[in-house]
């Protein structure tokens, strides 16, 4: 996505649903998790990355997800 959208609603503790991998046919795999820190913009590519603790992976490090892959954000406050 050119000039990727800034996602100000993304902050620590928000629950997100995001798309995984490439679209194949009519369906695409989705995952859910919790944002664990502030989004980071890669100045070279203008891609915003968000650290997400994927549901069910509490013993693993958060994964970095591109903000444009996030399709739903829910505040837990």
PDB file of N, CA and C in Angstrom:
ATOM      1  N   UNK A   1       0.846  -1.170   0.000  1.00  0.00           N
ATOM      2  CA  UNK A   1       0.000   0.000   0.000  1.00  0.00           C
ATOM      3  C   UNK A   1       0.887   1.227   0.000  1.00  0.00           C
ATOM      4  N   UNK A   2       0.737   2.147  -0.960  1.00  0.00           N
ATOM      5  CA  UNK A   2       1.523   3.362  -1.014  1.00  0.00           C
ATOM      6  C   UNK A   2       1.149   4.279   0.136  1.00  0.00           C
ATOM      7  N   UNK A   3       2.188   4.860   0.794  1.00  0.00           N
ATOM      8  CA  UNK A   3       1.924   5.782   1.880  1.00  0.00           C
ATOM      9  C   UNK A   3       0.963   5.181   2.889  1.00  0.00           C
ATOM     10  N   UNK A   4       1.273   3.990   3.317  1.00  0.00           N
ATOM     11  CA  UNK A   4       0.415   3.204   4.194  1.00  0.00           C
ATOM     12  C   UNK A   4      -0.284   4.056   5.246  1.00  0.00           C
ATOM     13  N   UNK A   5      -1.514   3.714   5.526  1.00  0.00           N
ATOM     14  CA  UNK A   5      -2.301   4.441   6.506  1.00  0.00           C
ATOM     15  C   UNK A   5      -1.620   4.444   7.861  1.00  0.00           C
ATOM     16  N   UNK A   6      -1.667   5.603   8.523  1.00  0.00           N
ATOM     17  CA  UNK A   6      -1.213   5.664   9.907  1.00  0.00           C
ATOM     18  C   UNK A   6      -2.347   5.127  10.760  1.00  0.00           C
ATOM     19  N   UNK A   7      -2.049   4.240  11.683  1.00  0.00           N
ATOM     20  CA  UNK A   7      -3.089   3.613  12.505  1.00  0.00           C
ATOM     21  C   UNK A   7      -2.976   4.117  13.943  1.00  0.00           C
ATOM     22  N   UNK A   8      -3.454   5.339  14.231  1.00  0.00           N
ATOM     23  CA  UNK A   8      -3.307   5.884  15.571  1.00  0.00           C
ATOM     24  C   UNK A   8      -4.056   5.096  16.633  1.00  0.00           C
ATOM     25  N   UNK A   9      -5.050   4.304  16.232  1.00  0.00           N
ATOM     26  CA  UNK A   9      -5.820   3.543  17.204  1.00  0.00           C
ATOM     27  C   UNK A   9      -5.058   2.330  17.733  1.00  0.00           C
ATOM     28  N   UNK A  10      -3.918   2.012  17.132  1.00  0.00           N
ATOM     29  CA  UNK A  10      -3.152   0.850  17.570  1.00  0.00           C
ATOM     30  C   UNK A  10      -2.243   1.231  18.733  1.00  0.00           C
ATOM     31  N   UNK A  11      -2.500   0.626  19.877  1.00  0.00           N
ATOM     32  CA  UNK A  11      -1.616   0.846  21.019  1.00  0.00           C
ATOM     33  C   UNK A  11      -1.630  -0.401  21.889  1.00  0.00           C
ATOM     34  N   UNK A  12      -0.716  -0.445  22.826  1.00  0.00           N
ATOM     35  CA  UNK A  12      -0.554  -1.603  23.702  1.00  0.00           C
ATOM     36  C   UNK A  12      -1.886  -2.007  24.323  1.00  0.00           C
ATOM     37  N   UNK A  13      -2.197  -3.283  24.234  1.00  0.00           N
ATOM     38  CA  UNK A  13      -3.394  -3.836  24.840  1.00  0.00           C
ATOM     39  C   UNK A  13      -4.575  -4.001  23.898  1.00  0.00           C
ATOM     40  N   UNK A  14      -4.539  -3.358  22.746  1.00  0.00           N
ATOM     41  CA  UNK A  14      -5.647  -3.517  21.808  1.00  0.00           C
ATOM     42  C   UNK A  14      -5.632  -4.911  21.192  1.00  0.00           C
ATOM     43  N   UNK A  15      -6.830  -5.486  21.030  1.00  0.00           N
ATOM     44  CA  UNK A  15      -6.953  -6.781  20.361  1.00  0.00           C
ATOM     45  C   UNK A  15      -7.109  -6.516  18.871  1.00  0.00           C
ATOM     46  N   UNK A  16      -6.395  -7.296  18.073  1.00  0.00           N
ATOM     47  CA  UNK A  16      -6.450  -7.117  16.628  1.00  0.00           C
ATOM     48  C   UNK A  16      -6.718  -8.447  15.929  1.00  0.00           C
ATOM     49  N   UNK A  17      -7.335  -8.343  14.763  1.00  0.00           N
ATOM     50  CA  UNK A  17      -7.485  -9.463  13.843  1.00  0.00           C
ATOM     51  C   UNK A  17      -6.736  -9.054  12.594  1.00  0.00           C
ATOM     52  N   UNK A  18      -5.910  -9.953  12.066  1.00  0.00           N
ATOM     53  CA  UNK A  18      -5.100  -9.602  10.898  1.00  0.00           C
ATOM     54  C   UNK A  18      -5.031 -10.754   9.911  1.00  0.00           C
ATOM     55  N   UNK A  19      -4.763 -10.393   8.662  1.00  0.00           N
ATOM     56  CA  UNK A  19      -4.653 -11.372   7.579  1.00  0.00           C
ATOM     57  C   UNK A  19      -3.252 -11.957   7.556  1.00  0.00           C
ATOM     58  N   UNK A  20      -3.170 -13.244   7.235  1.00  0.00           N
ATOM     59  CA  UNK A  20      -1.894 -13.952   7.191  1.00  0.00           C
ATOM     60  C   UNK A  20      -1.639 -14.446   5.780  1.00  0.00           C
ATOM     61  N   UNK A  21      -0.449 -14.217   5.256  1.00  0.00           N
ATOM     62  CA  UNK A  21      -0.057 -14.763   3.960  1.00  0.00           C
ATOM     63  C   UNK A  21      -0.763 -14.115   2.785  1.00  0.00           C
ATOM     64  N   UNK A  22      -0.668 -14.777   1.658  1.00  0.00           N
ATOM     65  CA  UNK A  22      -1.242 -14.281   0.405  1.00  0.00           C
ATOM     66  C   UNK A  22      -2.655 -14.806   0.221  1.00  0.00           C
ATOM     67  N   UNK A  23      -3.456 -14.005  -0.434  1.00  0.00           N
ATOM     68  CA  UNK A  23      -4.834 -14.420  -0.732  1.00  0.00           C
ATOM     69  C   UNK A  23      -4.797 -15.549  -1.759  1.00  0.00           C
ATOM     70  N   UNK A  24      -5.504 -16.621  -1.446  1.00  0.00           N
ATOM     71  CA  UNK A  24      -5.620 -17.739  -2.381  1.00  0.00           C
ATOM     72  C   UNK A  24      -7.094 -18.037  -2.556  1.00  0.00           C
ATOM     73  N   UNK A  25      -7.594 -17.809  -3.738  1.00  0.00           N
ATOM     74  CA  UNK A  25      -9.018 -18.017  -3.961  1.00  0.00           C
ATOM     75  C   UNK A  25      -9.839 -16.956  -3.263  1.00  0.00           C
ATOM     76  N   UNK A  26     -10.937 -17.365  -2.661  1.00  0.00           N
ATOM     77  CA  UNK A  26     -11.840 -16.421  -2.014  1.00  0.00           C
ATOM     78  C   UNK A  26     -11.576 -16.228  -0.535  1.00  0.00           C
ATOM     79  N   UNK A  27     -10.736 -17.048   0.054  1.00  0.00           N
ATOM     80  CA  UNK A  27     -10.521 -16.980   1.505  1.00  0.00           C
ATOM     81  C   UNK A  27      -9.060 -16.710   1.820  1.00  0.00           C
ATOM     82  N   UNK A  28      -8.864 -16.125   2.998  1.00  0.00           N
ATOM     83  CA  UNK A  28      -7.521 -15.883   3.474  1.00  0.00           C
ATOM     84  C   UNK A  28      -7.517 -16.125   4.983  1.00  0.00           C
ATOM     85  N   UNK A  29      -6.462 -16.721   5.476  1.00  0.00           N
ATOM     86  CA  UNK A  29      -6.341 -17.039   6.885  1.00  0.00           C
ATOM     87  C   UNK A  29      -6.243 -15.768   7.721  1.00  0.00           C
ATOM     88  N   UNK A  30      -6.973 -15.740   8.838  1.00  0.00           N
ATOM     89  CA  UNK A  30      -6.903 -14.630   9.788  1.00  0.00           C
ATOM     90  C   UNK A  30      -6.396 -15.166  11.119  1.00  0.00           C
ATOM     91  N   UNK A  31      -5.729 -14.292  11.867  1.00  0.00           N
ATOM     92  CA  UNK A  31      -5.301 -14.613  13.226  1.00  0.00           C
ATOM     93  C   UNK A  31      -5.683 -13.455  14.125  1.00  0.00           C
ATOM     94  N   UNK A  32      -5.676 -13.730  15.426  1.00  0.00           N
ATOM     95  CA  UNK A  32      -5.964 -12.696  16.421  1.00  0.00           C
ATOM     96  C   UNK A  32      -4.843 -12.632  17.425  1.00  0.00           C
ATOM     97  N   UNK A  33      -4.707 -11.469  18.034  1.00  0.00           N
ATOM     98  CA  UNK A  33      -3.696 -11.288  19.056  1.00  0.00           C
ATOM     99  C   UNK A  33      -3.860  -9.947  19.745  1.00  0.00           C
ATOM    100  N   UNK A  34      -2.864  -9.620  20.588  1.00  0.00           N
ATOM    101  CA  UNK A  34      -2.880  -8.387  21.369  1.00  0.00           C
ATOM    102  C   UNK A  34      -1.639  -7.572  21.030  1.00  0.00           C
ATOM    103  N   UNK A  35      -1.835  -6.284  20.795  1.00  0.00           N
ATOM    104  CA  UNK A  35      -0.712  -5.380  20.517  1.00  0.00           C
ATOM    105  C   UNK A  35       0.116  -5.250  21.792  1.00  0.00           C
ATOM    106  N   UNK A  36       1.442  -5.438  21.674  1.00  0.00           N
ATOM    107  CA  UNK A  36       2.311  -5.418  22.855  1.00  0.00           C
ATOM    108  C   UNK A  36       3.193  -4.184  22.952  1.00  0.00           C
ATOM    109  N   UNK A  37       3.083  -3.274  22.001  1.00  0.00           N
ATOM    110  CA  UNK A  37       3.901  -2.064  22.034  1.00  0.00           C
ATOM    111  C   UNK A  37       3.455  -1.090  20.963  1.00  0.00           C
ATOM    112  N   UNK A  38       4.179  -0.005  20.841  1.00  0.00           N
ATOM    113  CA  UNK A  38       3.833   1.022  19.856  1.00  0.00           C
ATOM    114  C   UNK A  38       4.238   0.600  18.453  1.00  0.00           C
ATOM    115  N   UNK A  39       3.432   0.984  17.452  1.00  0.00           N
ATOM    116  CA  UNK A  39       3.804   0.732  16.059  1.00  0.00           C
ATOM    117  C   UNK A  39       5.104   1.453  15.708  1.00  0.00           C
ATOM    118  N   UNK A  40       5.854   0.876  14.770  1.00  0.00           N
ATOM    119  CA  UNK A  40       7.123   1.438  14.321  1.00  0.00           C
ATOM    120  C   UNK A  40       7.075   1.594  12.805  1.00  0.00           C
ATOM    121  N   UNK A  41       7.470   2.763  12.315  1.00  0.00           N
ATOM    122  CA  UNK A  41       7.480   3.007  10.868  1.00  0.00           C
ATOM    123  C   UNK A  41       8.884   2.796  10.336  1.00  0.00           C
ATOM    124  N   UNK A  42       9.017   1.951   9.320  1.00  0.00           N
ATOM    125  CA  UNK A  42      10.283   1.766   8.610  1.00  0.00           C
ATOM    126  C   UNK A  42      10.387   2.929   7.628  1.00  0.00           C
ATOM    127  N   UNK A  43      11.266   3.879   7.920  1.00  0.00           N
ATOM    128  CA  UNK A  43      11.384   5.086   7.100  1.00  0.00           C
ATOM    129  C   UNK A  43      11.789   4.778   5.662  1.00  0.00           C
ATOM    130  N   UNK A  44      12.530   3.713   5.449  1.00  0.00           N
ATOM    131  CA  UNK A  44      12.983   3.358   4.107  1.00  0.00           C
ATOM    132  C   UNK A  44      11.866   2.866   3.201  1.00  0.00           C
ATOM    133  N   UNK A  45      10.913   2.154   3.788  1.00  0.00           N
ATOM    134  CA  UNK A  45       9.824   1.577   2.990  1.00  0.00           C
ATOM    135  C   UNK A  45       8.466   2.206   3.291  1.00  0.00           C
ATOM    136  N   UNK A  46       8.404   3.020   4.331  1.00  0.00           N
ATOM    137  CA  UNK A  46       7.160   3.638   4.791  1.00  0.00           C
ATOM    138  C   UNK A  46       6.121   2.610   5.216  1.00  0.00           C
ATOM    139  N   UNK A  47       6.584   1.447   5.652  1.00  0.00           N
ATOM    140  CA  UNK A  47       5.697   0.398   6.157  1.00  0.00           C
ATOM    141  C   UNK A  47       5.641   0.523   7.677  1.00  0.00           C
ATOM    142  N   UNK A  48       4.422   0.472   8.222  1.00  0.00           N
ATOM    143  CA  UNK A  48       4.232   0.504   9.669  1.00  0.00           C
ATOM    144  C   UNK A  48       4.132  -0.926  10.182  1.00  0.00           C
ATOM    145  N   UNK A  49       4.960  -1.235  11.183  1.00  0.00           N
ATOM    146  CA  UNK A  49       4.987  -2.567  11.788  1.00  0.00           C
ATOM    147  C   UNK A  49       4.437  -2.486  13.201  1.00  0.00           C
ATOM    148  N   UNK A  50       3.671  -3.511  13.596  1.00  0.00           N
ATOM    149  CA  UNK A  50       3.020  -3.541  14.898  1.00  0.00           C
ATOM    150  C   UNK A  50       3.402  -4.843  15.604  1.00  0.00           C
ATOM    151  N   UNK A  51       3.919  -4.758  16.862  1.00  0.00           N
ATOM    152  CA  UNK A  51       4.232  -5.995  17.600  1.00  0.00           C
ATOM    153  C   UNK A  51       2.948  -6.603  18.170  1.00  0.00           C
ATOM    154  N   UNK A  52       2.690  -7.869  17.829  1.00  0.00           N
ATOM    155  CA  UNK A  52       1.456  -8.536  18.242  1.00  0.00           C
ATOM    156  C   UNK A  52       1.783  -9.883  18.884  1.00  0.00           C
ATOM    157  N   UNK A  53       1.236 -10.091  20.089  1.00  0.00           N
ATOM    158  CA  UNK A  53       1.330 -11.399  20.739  1.00  0.00           C
ATOM    159  C   UNK A  53       0.162 -12.217  20.223  1.00  0.00           C
ATOM    160  N   UNK A  54       0.452 -13.182  19.387  1.00  0.00           N
ATOM    161  CA  UNK A  54      -0.578 -14.005  18.762  1.00  0.00           C
ATOM    162  C   UNK A  54      -1.267 -14.851  19.826  1.00  0.00           C
ATOM    163  N   UNK A  55      -2.595 -14.923  19.758  1.00  0.00           N
ATOM    164  CA  UNK A  55      -3.344 -15.739  20.719  1.00  0.00           C
ATOM    165  C   UNK A  55      -2.765 -17.150  20.768  1.00  0.00           C
ATOM    166  N   UNK A  56      -2.584 -17.654  21.980  1.00  0.00           N
ATOM    167  CA  UNK A  56      -2.097 -19.015  22.175  1.00  0.00           C
ATOM    168  C   UNK A  56      -0.585 -19.164  22.120  1.00  0.00           C
ATOM    169  N   UNK A  57       0.161 -18.048  22.008  1.00  0.00           N
ATOM    170  CA  UNK A  57       1.630 -18.126  21.919  1.00  0.00           C
ATOM    171  C   UNK A  57       2.293 -17.312  23.027  1.00  0.00           C
ATOM    172  N   UNK A  58       1.803 -17.447  24.251  1.00  0.00           N
ATOM    173  CA  UNK A  58       2.291 -16.631  25.364  1.00  0.00           C
ATOM    174  C   UNK A  58       3.746 -16.877  25.715  1.00  0.00           C
ATOM    175  N   UNK A  59       4.307 -18.023  25.348  1.00  0.00           N
ATOM    176  CA  UNK A  59       5.706 -18.332  25.649  1.00  0.00           C
ATOM    177  C   UNK A  59       6.652 -17.879  24.541  1.00  0.00           C
ATOM    178  N   UNK A  60       6.122 -17.312  23.470  1.00  0.00           N
ATOM    179  CA  UNK A  60       6.935 -16.889  22.337  1.00  0.00           C
ATOM    180  C   UNK A  60       6.996 -15.368  22.262  1.00  0.00           C
ATOM    181  N   UNK A  61       8.001 -14.869  21.565  1.00  0.00           N
ATOM    182  CA  UNK A  61       8.129 -13.425  21.359  1.00  0.00           C
ATOM    183  C   UNK A  61       7.008 -12.938  20.444  1.00  0.00           C
ATOM    184  N   UNK A  62       6.602 -11.671  20.604  1.00  0.00           N
ATOM    185  CA  UNK A  62       5.586 -11.113  19.696  1.00  0.00           C
ATOM    186  C   UNK A  62       6.067 -11.156  18.248  1.00  0.00           C
ATOM    187  N   UNK A  63       5.123 -11.216  17.327  1.00  0.00           N
ATOM    188  CA  UNK A  63       5.435 -11.163  15.898  1.00  0.00           C
ATOM    189  C   UNK A  63       5.204  -9.738  15.417  1.00  0.00           C
ATOM    190  N   UNK A  64       5.992  -9.306  14.422  1.00  0.00           N
ATOM    191  CA  UNK A  64       5.807  -7.993  13.827  1.00  0.00           C
ATOM    192  C   UNK A  64       4.885  -8.147  12.630  1.00  0.00           C
ATOM    193  N   UNK A  65       3.741  -7.462  12.670  1.00  0.00           N
ATOM    194  CA  UNK A  65       2.698  -7.543  11.656  1.00  0.00           C
ATOM    195  C   UNK A  65       2.611  -6.189  10.957  1.00  0.00           C
ATOM    196  N   UNK A  66       2.446  -6.173   9.642  1.00  0.00           N
ATOM    197  CA  UNK A  66       2.273  -4.886   8.970  1.00  0.00           C
ATOM    198  C   UNK A  66       0.889  -4.326   9.313  1.00  0.00           C
ATOM    199  N   UNK A  67       0.837  -3.018   9.521  1.00  0.00           N
ATOM    200  CA  UNK A  67      -0.421  -2.378   9.909  1.00  0.00           C
ATOM    201  C   UNK A  67      -1.498  -2.577   8.851  1.00  0.00           C
ATOM    202  N   UNK A  68      -1.106  -2.650   7.576  1.00  0.00           N
ATOM    203  CA  UNK A  68      -2.123  -2.815   6.531  1.00  0.00           C
ATOM    204  C   UNK A  68      -2.724  -4.218   6.513  1.00  0.00           C
ATOM    205  N   UNK A  69      -2.127  -5.182   7.236  1.00  0.00           N
ATOM    206  CA  UNK A  69      -2.694  -6.528   7.336  1.00  0.00           C
ATOM    207  C   UNK A  69      -3.772  -6.601   8.415  1.00  0.00           C
ATOM    208  N   UNK A  70      -3.833  -5.588   9.286  1.00  0.00           N
ATOM    209  CA  UNK A  70      -4.799  -5.575  10.385  1.00  0.00           C
ATOM    210  C   UNK A  70      -6.156  -5.145   9.853  1.00  0.00           C
ATOM    211  N   UNK A  71      -7.154  -6.000  10.099  1.00  0.00           N
ATOM    212  CA  UNK A  71      -8.489  -5.720   9.556  1.00  0.00           C
ATOM    213  C   UNK A  71      -9.501  -5.333  10.630  1.00  0.00           C
ATOM    214  N   UNK A  72      -9.148  -5.525  11.918  1.00  0.00           N
ATOM    215  CA  UNK A  72     -10.067  -5.146  12.992  1.00  0.00           C
ATOM    216  C   UNK A  72      -9.270  -4.822  14.238  1.00  0.00           C
ATOM    217  N   UNK A  73      -9.693  -3.756  14.942  1.00  0.00           N
ATOM    218  CA  UNK A  73      -9.045  -3.330  16.180  1.00  0.00           C
ATOM    219  C   UNK A  73     -10.128  -3.142  17.232  1.00  0.00           C
ATOM    220  N   UNK A  74      -9.915  -3.737  18.418  1.00  0.00           N
ATOM    221  CA  UNK A  74     -10.866  -3.601  19.513  1.00  0.00           C
ATOM    222  C   UNK A  74     -10.106  -3.146  20.741  1.00  0.00           C
ATOM    223  N   UNK A  75     -10.552  -2.039  21.324  1.00  0.00           N
ATOM    224  CA  UNK A  75      -9.943  -1.547  22.565  1.00  0.00           C
ATOM    225  C   UNK A  75     -10.407  -2.424  23.722  1.00  0.00           C
ATOM    226  N   UNK A  76      -9.493  -2.737  24.618  1.00  0.00           N
ATOM    227  CA  UNK A  76      -9.840  -3.556  25.771  1.00  0.00           C
ATOM    228  C   UNK A  76     -10.114  -2.683  26.990  1.00  0.00           C
ATOM    229  N   UNK A  77     -10.141  -1.388  26.787  1.00  0.00           N
ATOM    230  CA  UNK A  77     -10.378  -0.449  27.908  1.00  0.00           C
ATOM    231  C   UNK A  77     -11.821  -0.138  28.062  1.00  0.00           C
TER     232      UNK A  77
END
